């Protein structure tokens, strides 16, 4: 499972449309579909159902999206903390 595929999935979930998500990511729809299939294969779960209007998340897709949102917040917190440490805004207490 690639972190990039998870991030792409989150964008698909936000847009509910592969074409618009691909455009937002600067990818071709084909490349985005391959990424989504790769993630589904690695998780052994169908994450979206294609519809005439776009895509809908499956139960598994909804569950993954909830975790991805938490992961995004955690990654943001880690990046901010490392940046603060590097710039001397945080230090270790002894």
PDB file of N, CA and C in Angstrom:
ATOM      1  N   UNK A   1       0.852  -1.171   0.000  1.00  0.00           N
ATOM      2  CA  UNK A   1       0.000   0.000   0.000  1.00  0.00           C
ATOM      3  C   UNK A   1       0.901   1.238   0.000  1.00  0.00           C
ATOM      4  N   UNK A   2       0.625   2.124  -0.939  1.00  0.00           N
ATOM      5  CA  UNK A   2       1.413   3.343  -1.084  1.00  0.00           C
ATOM      6  C   UNK A   2       0.659   4.532  -0.488  1.00  0.00           C
ATOM      7  N   UNK A   3       1.366   5.378   0.220  1.00  0.00           N
ATOM      8  CA  UNK A   3       0.757   6.575   0.800  1.00  0.00           C
ATOM      9  C   UNK A   3       0.152   7.462  -0.293  1.00  0.00           C
ATOM     10  N   UNK A   4       0.816   7.511  -1.434  1.00  0.00           N
ATOM     11  CA  UNK A   4       0.312   8.311  -2.552  1.00  0.00           C
ATOM     12  C   UNK A   4      -1.062   7.805  -3.009  1.00  0.00           C
ATOM     13  N   UNK A   5      -1.233   6.484  -3.092  1.00  0.00           N
ATOM     14  CA  UNK A   5      -2.523   5.916  -3.488  1.00  0.00           C
ATOM     15  C   UNK A   5      -3.612   6.276  -2.481  1.00  0.00           C
ATOM     16  N   UNK A   6      -3.259   6.301  -1.213  1.00  0.00           N
ATOM     17  CA  UNK A   6      -4.224   6.666  -0.170  1.00  0.00           C
ATOM     18  C   UNK A   6      -4.617   8.134  -0.315  1.00  0.00           C
ATOM     19  N   UNK A   7      -3.649   8.984  -0.590  1.00  0.00           N
ATOM     20  CA  UNK A   7      -3.939  10.410  -0.783  1.00  0.00           C
ATOM     21  C   UNK A   7      -4.820  10.608  -2.015  1.00  0.00           C
ATOM     22  N   UNK A   8      -4.518   9.903  -3.087  1.00  0.00           N
ATOM     23  CA  UNK A   8      -5.347   9.997  -4.296  1.00  0.00           C
ATOM     24  C   UNK A   8      -6.773   9.535  -4.004  1.00  0.00           C
ATOM     25  N   UNK A   9      -6.908   8.459  -3.233  1.00  0.00           N
ATOM     26  CA  UNK A   9      -8.242   7.980  -2.859  1.00  0.00           C
ATOM     27  C   UNK A   9      -9.015   9.074  -2.126  1.00  0.00           C
ATOM     28  N   UNK A  10      -8.352   9.783  -1.231  1.00  0.00           N
ATOM     29  CA  UNK A  10      -9.018  10.846  -0.473  1.00  0.00           C
ATOM     30  C   UNK A  10      -9.528  11.943  -1.404  1.00  0.00           C
ATOM     31  N   UNK A  11      -8.771  12.256  -2.435  1.00  0.00           N
ATOM     32  CA  UNK A  11      -9.202  13.281  -3.394  1.00  0.00           C
ATOM     33  C   UNK A  11     -10.395  12.774  -4.202  1.00  0.00           C
ATOM     34  N   UNK A  12     -10.369  11.507  -4.591  1.00  0.00           N
ATOM     35  CA  UNK A  12     -11.520  10.911  -5.280  1.00  0.00           C
ATOM     36  C   UNK A  12     -12.746  10.995  -4.378  1.00  0.00           C
ATOM     37  N   UNK A  13     -12.577  10.675  -3.112  1.00  0.00           N
ATOM     38  CA  UNK A  13     -13.693  10.712  -2.162  1.00  0.00           C
ATOM     39  C   UNK A  13     -14.240  12.134  -2.010  1.00  0.00           C
ATOM     40  N   UNK A  14     -13.368  13.126  -2.034  1.00  0.00           N
ATOM     41  CA  UNK A  14     -13.805  14.522  -1.921  1.00  0.00           C
ATOM     42  C   UNK A  14     -14.611  14.967  -3.136  1.00  0.00           C
ATOM     43  N   UNK A  15     -14.144  14.591  -4.321  1.00  0.00           N
ATOM     44  CA  UNK A  15     -14.774  15.039  -5.566  1.00  0.00           C
ATOM     45  C   UNK A  15     -15.929  14.142  -6.016  1.00  0.00           C
ATOM     46  N   UNK A  16     -15.904  12.888  -5.579  1.00  0.00           N
ATOM     47  CA  UNK A  16     -16.922  11.900  -5.990  1.00  0.00           C
ATOM     48  C   UNK A  16     -16.999  11.765  -7.508  1.00  0.00           C
ATOM     49  N   UNK A  17     -15.885  12.045  -8.177  1.00  0.00           N
ATOM     50  CA  UNK A  17     -15.827  11.968  -9.625  1.00  0.00           C
ATOM     51  C   UNK A  17     -14.367  11.775 -10.022  1.00  0.00           C
ATOM     52  N   UNK A  18     -14.080  10.693 -10.765  1.00  0.00           N
ATOM     53  CA  UNK A  18     -12.693  10.399 -11.126  1.00  0.00           C
ATOM     54  C   UNK A  18     -12.090  11.470 -12.031  1.00  0.00           C
ATOM     55  N   UNK A  19     -12.864  11.958 -12.987  1.00  0.00           N
ATOM     56  CA  UNK A  19     -12.341  12.977 -13.899  1.00  0.00           C
ATOM     57  C   UNK A  19     -11.952  14.253 -13.177  1.00  0.00           C
ATOM     58  N   UNK A  20     -12.828  14.731 -12.309  1.00  0.00           N
ATOM     59  CA  UNK A  20     -12.521  15.964 -11.562  1.00  0.00           C
ATOM     60  C   UNK A  20     -11.379  15.739 -10.576  1.00  0.00           C
ATOM     61  N   UNK A  21     -11.348  14.565  -9.951  1.00  0.00           N
ATOM     62  CA  UNK A  21     -10.251  14.265  -9.023  1.00  0.00           C
ATOM     63  C   UNK A  21      -8.927  14.194  -9.771  1.00  0.00           C
ATOM     64  N   UNK A  22      -8.933  13.554 -10.936  1.00  0.00           N
ATOM     65  CA  UNK A  22      -7.713  13.459 -11.740  1.00  0.00           C
ATOM     66  C   UNK A  22      -7.226  14.848 -12.132  1.00  0.00           C
ATOM     67  N   UNK A  23      -8.148  15.701 -12.532  1.00  0.00           N
ATOM     68  CA  UNK A  23      -7.787  17.072 -12.903  1.00  0.00           C
ATOM     69  C   UNK A  23      -7.191  17.816 -11.707  1.00  0.00           C
ATOM     70  N   UNK A  24      -7.797  17.662 -10.539  1.00  0.00           N
ATOM     71  CA  UNK A  24      -7.299  18.332  -9.333  1.00  0.00           C
ATOM     72  C   UNK A  24      -5.893  17.861  -8.973  1.00  0.00           C
ATOM     73  N   UNK A  25      -5.611  16.599  -9.266  1.00  0.00           N
ATOM     74  CA  UNK A  25      -4.304  16.025  -8.938  1.00  0.00           C
ATOM     75  C   UNK A  25      -3.276  16.207 -10.053  1.00  0.00           C
ATOM     76  N   UNK A  26      -3.724  16.650 -11.219  1.00  0.00           N
ATOM     77  CA  UNK A  26      -2.814  16.780 -12.350  1.00  0.00           C
ATOM     78  C   UNK A  26      -2.458  15.443 -12.960  1.00  0.00           C
ATOM     79  N   UNK A  27      -3.379  14.491 -12.870  1.00  0.00           N
ATOM     80  CA  UNK A  27      -3.178  13.146 -13.407  1.00  0.00           C
ATOM     81  C   UNK A  27      -4.173  12.887 -14.524  1.00  0.00           C
ATOM     82  N   UNK A  28      -3.892  11.865 -15.312  1.00  0.00           N
ATOM     83  CA  UNK A  28      -4.893  11.411 -16.272  1.00  0.00           C
ATOM     84  C   UNK A  28      -5.901  10.548 -15.520  1.00  0.00           C
ATOM     85  N   UNK A  29      -7.141  10.494 -15.983  1.00  0.00           N
ATOM     86  CA  UNK A  29      -8.120   9.610 -15.344  1.00  0.00           C
ATOM     87  C   UNK A  29      -7.660   8.153 -15.328  1.00  0.00           C
ATOM     88  N   UNK A  30      -6.939   7.742 -16.376  1.00  0.00           N
ATOM     89  CA  UNK A  30      -6.430   6.369 -16.438  1.00  0.00           C
ATOM     90  C   UNK A  30      -5.429   6.110 -15.315  1.00  0.00           C
ATOM     91  N   UNK A  31      -4.518   7.046 -15.101  1.00  0.00           N
ATOM     92  CA  UNK A  31      -3.524   6.885 -14.031  1.00  0.00           C
ATOM     93  C   UNK A  31      -4.199   6.848 -12.668  1.00  0.00           C
ATOM     94  N   UNK A  32      -5.207   7.678 -12.481  1.00  0.00           N
ATOM     95  CA  UNK A  32      -5.917   7.692 -11.204  1.00  0.00           C
ATOM     96  C   UNK A  32      -6.684   6.393 -10.995  1.00  0.00           C
ATOM     97  N   UNK A  33      -7.299   5.878 -12.042  1.00  0.00           N
ATOM     98  CA  UNK A  33      -8.011   4.595 -11.941  1.00  0.00           C
ATOM     99  C   UNK A  33      -7.059   3.470 -11.569  1.00  0.00           C
ATOM    100  N   UNK A  34      -5.863   3.477 -12.169  1.00  0.00           N
ATOM    101  CA  UNK A  34      -4.862   2.453 -11.844  1.00  0.00           C
ATOM    102  C   UNK A  34      -4.453   2.545 -10.380  1.00  0.00           C
ATOM    103  N   UNK A  35      -4.276   3.760  -9.889  1.00  0.00           N
ATOM    104  CA  UNK A  35      -3.914   3.958  -8.487  1.00  0.00           C
ATOM    105  C   UNK A  35      -5.006   3.419  -7.571  1.00  0.00           C
ATOM    106  N   UNK A  36      -6.246   3.719  -7.910  1.00  0.00           N
ATOM    107  CA  UNK A  36      -7.377   3.255  -7.108  1.00  0.00           C
ATOM    108  C   UNK A  36      -7.470   1.732  -7.120  1.00  0.00           C
ATOM    109  N   UNK A  37      -7.291   1.127  -8.287  1.00  0.00           N
ATOM    110  CA  UNK A  37      -7.315  -0.342  -8.374  1.00  0.00           C
ATOM    111  C   UNK A  37      -6.175  -0.960  -7.567  1.00  0.00           C
ATOM    112  N   UNK A  38      -5.002  -0.338  -7.621  1.00  0.00           N
ATOM    113  CA  UNK A  38      -3.849  -0.843  -6.866  1.00  0.00           C
ATOM    114  C   UNK A  38      -4.148  -0.810  -5.367  1.00  0.00           C
ATOM    115  N   UNK A  39      -4.758   0.274  -4.892  1.00  0.00           N
ATOM    116  CA  UNK A  39      -5.114   0.382  -3.476  1.00  0.00           C
ATOM    117  C   UNK A  39      -6.167  -0.658  -3.107  1.00  0.00           C
ATOM    118  N   UNK A  40      -7.179  -0.808  -3.947  1.00  0.00           N
ATOM    119  CA  UNK A  40      -8.217  -1.810  -3.679  1.00  0.00           C
ATOM    120  C   UNK A  40      -7.619  -3.212  -3.635  1.00  0.00           C
ATOM    121  N   UNK A  41      -6.693  -3.486  -4.545  1.00  0.00           N
ATOM    122  CA  UNK A  41      -6.051  -4.806  -4.565  1.00  0.00           C
ATOM    123  C   UNK A  41      -5.230  -5.028  -3.298  1.00  0.00           C
ATOM    124  N   UNK A  42      -4.485  -4.021  -2.877  1.00  0.00           N
ATOM    125  CA  UNK A  42      -3.645  -4.191  -1.689  1.00  0.00           C
ATOM    126  C   UNK A  42      -4.486  -4.358  -0.427  1.00  0.00           C
ATOM    127  N   UNK A  43      -5.658  -3.733  -0.396  1.00  0.00           N
ATOM    128  CA  UNK A  43      -6.547  -3.850   0.765  1.00  0.00           C
ATOM    129  C   UNK A  43      -7.536  -5.007   0.636  1.00  0.00           C
ATOM    130  N   UNK A  44      -7.576  -5.586  -0.558  1.00  0.00           N
ATOM    131  CA  UNK A  44      -8.523  -6.666  -0.855  1.00  0.00           C
ATOM    132  C   UNK A  44      -9.949  -6.235  -0.531  1.00  0.00           C
ATOM    133  N   UNK A  45     -10.285  -5.019  -0.978  1.00  0.00           N
ATOM    134  CA  UNK A  45     -11.614  -4.465  -0.724  1.00  0.00           C
ATOM    135  C   UNK A  45     -11.976  -3.490  -1.835  1.00  0.00           C
ATOM    136  N   UNK A  46     -13.225  -3.482  -2.209  1.00  0.00           N
ATOM    137  CA  UNK A  46     -13.733  -2.507  -3.177  1.00  0.00           C
ATOM    138  C   UNK A  46     -14.052  -1.228  -2.407  1.00  0.00           C
ATOM    139  N   UNK A  47     -13.462  -0.120  -2.820  1.00  0.00           N
ATOM    140  CA  UNK A  47     -13.587   1.140  -2.087  1.00  0.00           C
ATOM    141  C   UNK A  47     -14.623   2.081  -2.682  1.00  0.00           C
ATOM    142  N   UNK A  48     -14.834   1.982  -3.995  1.00  0.00           N
ATOM    143  CA  UNK A  48     -15.812   2.839  -4.663  1.00  0.00           C
ATOM    144  C   UNK A  48     -16.650   2.014  -5.625  1.00  0.00           C
ATOM    145  N   UNK A  49     -17.831   2.526  -5.879  1.00  0.00           N
ATOM    146  CA  UNK A  49     -18.706   1.979  -6.909  1.00  0.00           C
ATOM    147  C   UNK A  49     -18.896   3.076  -7.935  1.00  0.00           C
ATOM    148  N   UNK A  50     -18.649   2.740  -9.189  1.00  0.00           N
ATOM    149  CA  UNK A  50     -18.836   3.730 -10.251  1.00  0.00           C
ATOM    150  C   UNK A  50     -20.318   3.866 -10.568  1.00  0.00           C
ATOM    151  N   UNK A  51     -20.766   5.093 -10.736  1.00  0.00           N
ATOM    152  CA  UNK A  51     -22.159   5.386 -11.071  1.00  0.00           C
ATOM    153  C   UNK A  51     -22.162   6.300 -12.297  1.00  0.00           C
ATOM    154  N   UNK A  52     -23.315   6.494 -12.923  1.00  0.00           N
ATOM    155  CA  UNK A  52     -23.362   7.414 -14.071  1.00  0.00           C
ATOM    156  C   UNK A  52     -22.925   8.844 -13.716  1.00  0.00           C
ATOM    157  N   UNK A  53     -23.091   9.240 -12.469  1.00  0.00           N
ATOM    158  CA  UNK A  53     -22.726  10.595 -12.047  1.00  0.00           C
ATOM    159  C   UNK A  53     -21.308  10.695 -11.494  1.00  0.00           C
ATOM    160  N   UNK A  54     -20.649   9.594 -11.260  1.00  0.00           N
ATOM    161  CA  UNK A  54     -19.306   9.623 -10.691  1.00  0.00           C
ATOM    162  C   UNK A  54     -19.010   8.358  -9.921  1.00  0.00           C
ATOM    163  N   UNK A  55     -18.652   8.507  -8.661  1.00  0.00           N
ATOM    164  CA  UNK A  55     -18.383   7.351  -7.807  1.00  0.00           C
ATOM    165  C   UNK A  55     -19.045   7.550  -6.451  1.00  0.00           C
ATOM    166  N   UNK A  56     -19.382   6.448  -5.844  1.00  0.00           N
ATOM    167  CA  UNK A  56     -19.882   6.443  -4.468  1.00  0.00           C
ATOM    168  C   UNK A  56     -18.959   5.561  -3.652  1.00  0.00           C
ATOM    169  N   UNK A  57     -18.721   5.938  -2.414  1.00  0.00           N
ATOM    170  CA  UNK A  57     -17.885   5.123  -1.538  1.00  0.00           C
ATOM    171  C   UNK A  57     -18.675   3.924  -1.044  1.00  0.00           C
ATOM    172  N   UNK A  58     -17.999   2.793  -0.981  1.00  0.00           N
ATOM    173  CA  UNK A  58     -18.583   1.611  -0.360  1.00  0.00           C
ATOM    174  C   UNK A  58     -18.450   1.753   1.153  1.00  0.00           C
ATOM    175  N   UNK A  59     -18.976   0.804   1.883  1.00  0.00           N
ATOM    176  CA  UNK A  59     -18.809   0.808   3.340  1.00  0.00           C
ATOM    177  C   UNK A  59     -17.327   0.796   3.692  1.00  0.00           C
ATOM    178  N   UNK A  60     -16.562  -0.012   2.957  1.00  0.00           N
ATOM    179  CA  UNK A  60     -15.115  -0.079   3.190  1.00  0.00           C
ATOM    180  C   UNK A  60     -14.446   1.249   2.837  1.00  0.00           C
ATOM    181  N   UNK A  61     -14.914   1.874   1.766  1.00  0.00           N
ATOM    182  CA  UNK A  61     -14.375   3.172   1.374  1.00  0.00           C
ATOM    183  C   UNK A  61     -14.646   4.243   2.419  1.00  0.00           C
ATOM    184  N   UNK A  62     -15.866   4.221   2.976  1.00  0.00           N
ATOM    185  CA  UNK A  62     -16.199   5.168   4.050  1.00  0.00           C
ATOM    186  C   UNK A  62     -15.286   4.972   5.258  1.00  0.00           C
ATOM    187  N   UNK A  63     -15.049   3.703   5.610  1.00  0.00           N
ATOM    188  CA  UNK A  63     -14.192   3.406   6.763  1.00  0.00           C
ATOM    189  C   UNK A  63     -12.761   3.881   6.509  1.00  0.00           C
ATOM    190  N   UNK A  64     -12.256   3.632   5.304  1.00  0.00           N
ATOM    191  CA  UNK A  64     -10.904   4.078   4.977  1.00  0.00           C
ATOM    192  C   UNK A  64     -10.817   5.601   4.998  1.00  0.00           C
ATOM    193  N   UNK A  65     -11.816   6.268   4.453  1.00  0.00           N
ATOM    194  CA  UNK A  65     -11.793   7.730   4.427  1.00  0.00           C
ATOM    195  C   UNK A  65     -11.742   8.311   5.838  1.00  0.00           C
ATOM    196  N   UNK A  66     -12.479   7.724   6.752  1.00  0.00           N
ATOM    197  CA  UNK A  66     -12.445   8.200   8.140  1.00  0.00           C
ATOM    198  C   UNK A  66     -11.029   8.087   8.709  1.00  0.00           C
ATOM    199  N   UNK A  67     -10.361   6.979   8.423  1.00  0.00           N
ATOM    200  CA  UNK A  67      -8.981   6.796   8.907  1.00  0.00           C
ATOM    201  C   UNK A  67      -8.011   7.736   8.206  1.00  0.00           C
ATOM    202  N   UNK A  68      -8.233   7.941   6.910  1.00  0.00           N
ATOM    203  CA  UNK A  68      -7.355   8.819   6.137  1.00  0.00           C
ATOM    204  C   UNK A  68      -7.432  10.244   6.666  1.00  0.00           C
ATOM    205  N   UNK A  69      -8.609  10.684   7.024  1.00  0.00           N
ATOM    206  CA  UNK A  69      -8.741  12.038   7.591  1.00  0.00           C
ATOM    207  C   UNK A  69      -7.910  12.173   8.861  1.00  0.00           C
ATOM    208  N   UNK A  70      -7.962  11.166   9.718  1.00  0.00           N
ATOM    209  CA  UNK A  70      -7.145  11.177  10.930  1.00  0.00           C
ATOM    210  C   UNK A  70      -5.665  11.131  10.610  1.00  0.00           C
ATOM    211  N   UNK A  71      -5.304  10.339   9.613  1.00  0.00           N
ATOM    212  CA  UNK A  71      -3.907  10.231   9.200  1.00  0.00           C
ATOM    213  C   UNK A  71      -3.397  11.564   8.668  1.00  0.00           C
ATOM    214  N   UNK A  72      -4.216  12.241   7.877  1.00  0.00           N
ATOM    215  CA  UNK A  72      -3.815  13.551   7.353  1.00  0.00           C
ATOM    216  C   UNK A  72      -3.542  14.530   8.493  1.00  0.00           C
ATOM    217  N   UNK A  73      -4.407  14.540   9.501  1.00  0.00           N
ATOM    218  CA  UNK A  73      -4.204  15.429  10.648  1.00  0.00           C
ATOM    219  C   UNK A  73      -2.921  15.077  11.382  1.00  0.00           C
ATOM    220  N   UNK A  74      -2.671  13.785  11.575  1.00  0.00           N
ATOM    221  CA  UNK A  74      -1.455  13.352  12.266  1.00  0.00           C
ATOM    222  C   UNK A  74      -0.209  13.749  11.487  1.00  0.00           C
ATOM    223  N   UNK A  75      -0.227  13.550  10.169  1.00  0.00           N
ATOM    224  CA  UNK A  75       0.926  13.916   9.348  1.00  0.00           C
ATOM    225  C   UNK A  75       1.167  15.418   9.383  1.00  0.00           C
ATOM    226  N   UNK A  76       0.096  16.187   9.378  1.00  0.00           N
ATOM    227  CA  UNK A  76       0.225  17.645   9.468  1.00  0.00           C
ATOM    228  C   UNK A  76       0.861  18.036  10.804  1.00  0.00           C
ATOM    229  N   UNK A  77       0.419  17.404  11.886  1.00  0.00           N
ATOM    230  CA  UNK A  77       0.976  17.694  13.210  1.00  0.00           C
ATOM    231  C   UNK A  77       2.458  17.340  13.275  1.00  0.00           C
ATOM    232  N   UNK A  78       2.827  16.202  12.708  1.00  0.00           N
ATOM    233  CA  UNK A  78       4.226  15.776  12.708  1.00  0.00           C
ATOM    234  C   UNK A  78       5.074  16.774  11.922  1.00  0.00           C
ATOM    235  N   UNK A  79       4.600  17.165  10.749  1.00  0.00           N
ATOM    236  CA  UNK A  79       5.358  18.111   9.924  1.00  0.00           C
ATOM    237  C   UNK A  79       5.542  19.441  10.643  1.00  0.00           C
ATOM    238  N   UNK A  80       4.497  19.918  11.297  1.00  0.00           N
ATOM    239  CA  UNK A  80       4.589  21.184  12.027  1.00  0.00           C
ATOM    240  C   UNK A  80       5.577  21.060  13.189  1.00  0.00           C
ATOM    241  N   UNK A  81       5.531  19.950  13.912  1.00  0.00           N
ATOM    242  CA  UNK A  81       6.430  19.773  15.050  1.00  0.00           C
ATOM    243  C   UNK A  81       7.882  19.717  14.602  1.00  0.00           C
ATOM    244  N   UNK A  82       8.157  18.988  13.529  1.00  0.00           N
ATOM    245  CA  UNK A  82       9.527  18.900  13.024  1.00  0.00           C
ATOM    246  C   UNK A  82      10.005  20.273  12.557  1.00  0.00           C
ATOM    247  N   UNK A  83       9.140  21.000  11.876  1.00  0.00           N
ATOM    248  CA  UNK A  83       9.493  22.350  11.431  1.00  0.00           C
ATOM    249  C   UNK A  83       9.783  23.257  12.623  1.00  0.00           C
ATOM    250  N   UNK A  84       8.944  23.177  13.645  1.00  0.00           N
ATOM    251  CA  UNK A  84       9.153  23.988  14.845  1.00  0.00           C
ATOM    252  C   UNK A  84      10.472  23.640  15.526  1.00  0.00           C
ATOM    253  N   UNK A  85      10.788  22.356  15.599  1.00  0.00           N
ATOM    254  CA  UNK A  85      12.063  21.940  16.196  1.00  0.00           C
ATOM    255  C   UNK A  85      13.233  22.474  15.384  1.00  0.00           C
ATOM    256  N   UNK A  86      13.136  22.361  14.070  1.00  0.00           N
ATOM    257  CA  UNK A  86      14.222  22.803  13.197  1.00  0.00           C
ATOM    258  C   UNK A  86      14.446  24.306  13.296  1.00  0.00           C
ATOM    259  N   UNK A  87      13.396  25.051  13.561  1.00  0.00           N
ATOM    260  CA  UNK A  87      13.508  26.504  13.638  1.00  0.00           C
ATOM    261  C   UNK A  87      13.697  26.997  15.067  1.00  0.00           C
ATOM    262  N   UNK A  88      13.874  26.073  15.999  1.00  0.00           N
ATOM    263  CA  UNK A  88      14.155  26.442  17.373  1.00  0.00           C
ATOM    264  C   UNK A  88      12.959  26.918  18.169  1.00  0.00           C
ATOM    265  N   UNK A  89      11.758  26.703  17.636  1.00  0.00           N
ATOM    266  CA  UNK A  89      10.564  27.141  18.368  1.00  0.00           C
ATOM    267  C   UNK A  89      10.142  26.125  19.424  1.00  0.00           C
ATOM    268  N   UNK A  90      10.642  24.927  19.321  1.00  0.00           N
ATOM    269  CA  UNK A  90      10.365  23.892  20.322  1.00  0.00           C
ATOM    270  C   UNK A  90      11.689  23.349  20.817  1.00  0.00           C
ATOM    271  N   UNK A  91      11.707  22.927  22.021  1.00  0.00           N
ATOM    272  CA  UNK A  91      12.901  22.308  22.575  1.00  0.00           C
ATOM    273  C   UNK A  91      12.505  21.183  23.496  1.00  0.00           C
ATOM    274  N   UNK A  92      13.481  20.479  23.942  1.00  0.00           N
ATOM    275  CA  UNK A  92      13.221  19.381  24.871  1.00  0.00           C
ATOM    276  C   UNK A  92      13.320  19.878  26.292  1.00  0.00           C
ATOM    277  N   UNK A  93      12.379  19.478  27.090  1.00  0.00           N
ATOM    278  CA  UNK A  93      12.441  19.780  28.519  1.00  0.00           C
ATOM    279  C   UNK A  93      13.132  18.627  29.220  1.00  0.00           C
ATOM    280  N   UNK A  94      13.982  18.955  30.174  1.00  0.00           N
ATOM    281  CA  UNK A  94      14.663  17.887  30.916  1.00  0.00           C
ATOM    282  C   UNK A  94      14.343  18.002  32.363  1.00  0.00           C
TER     283      UNK A  94
END
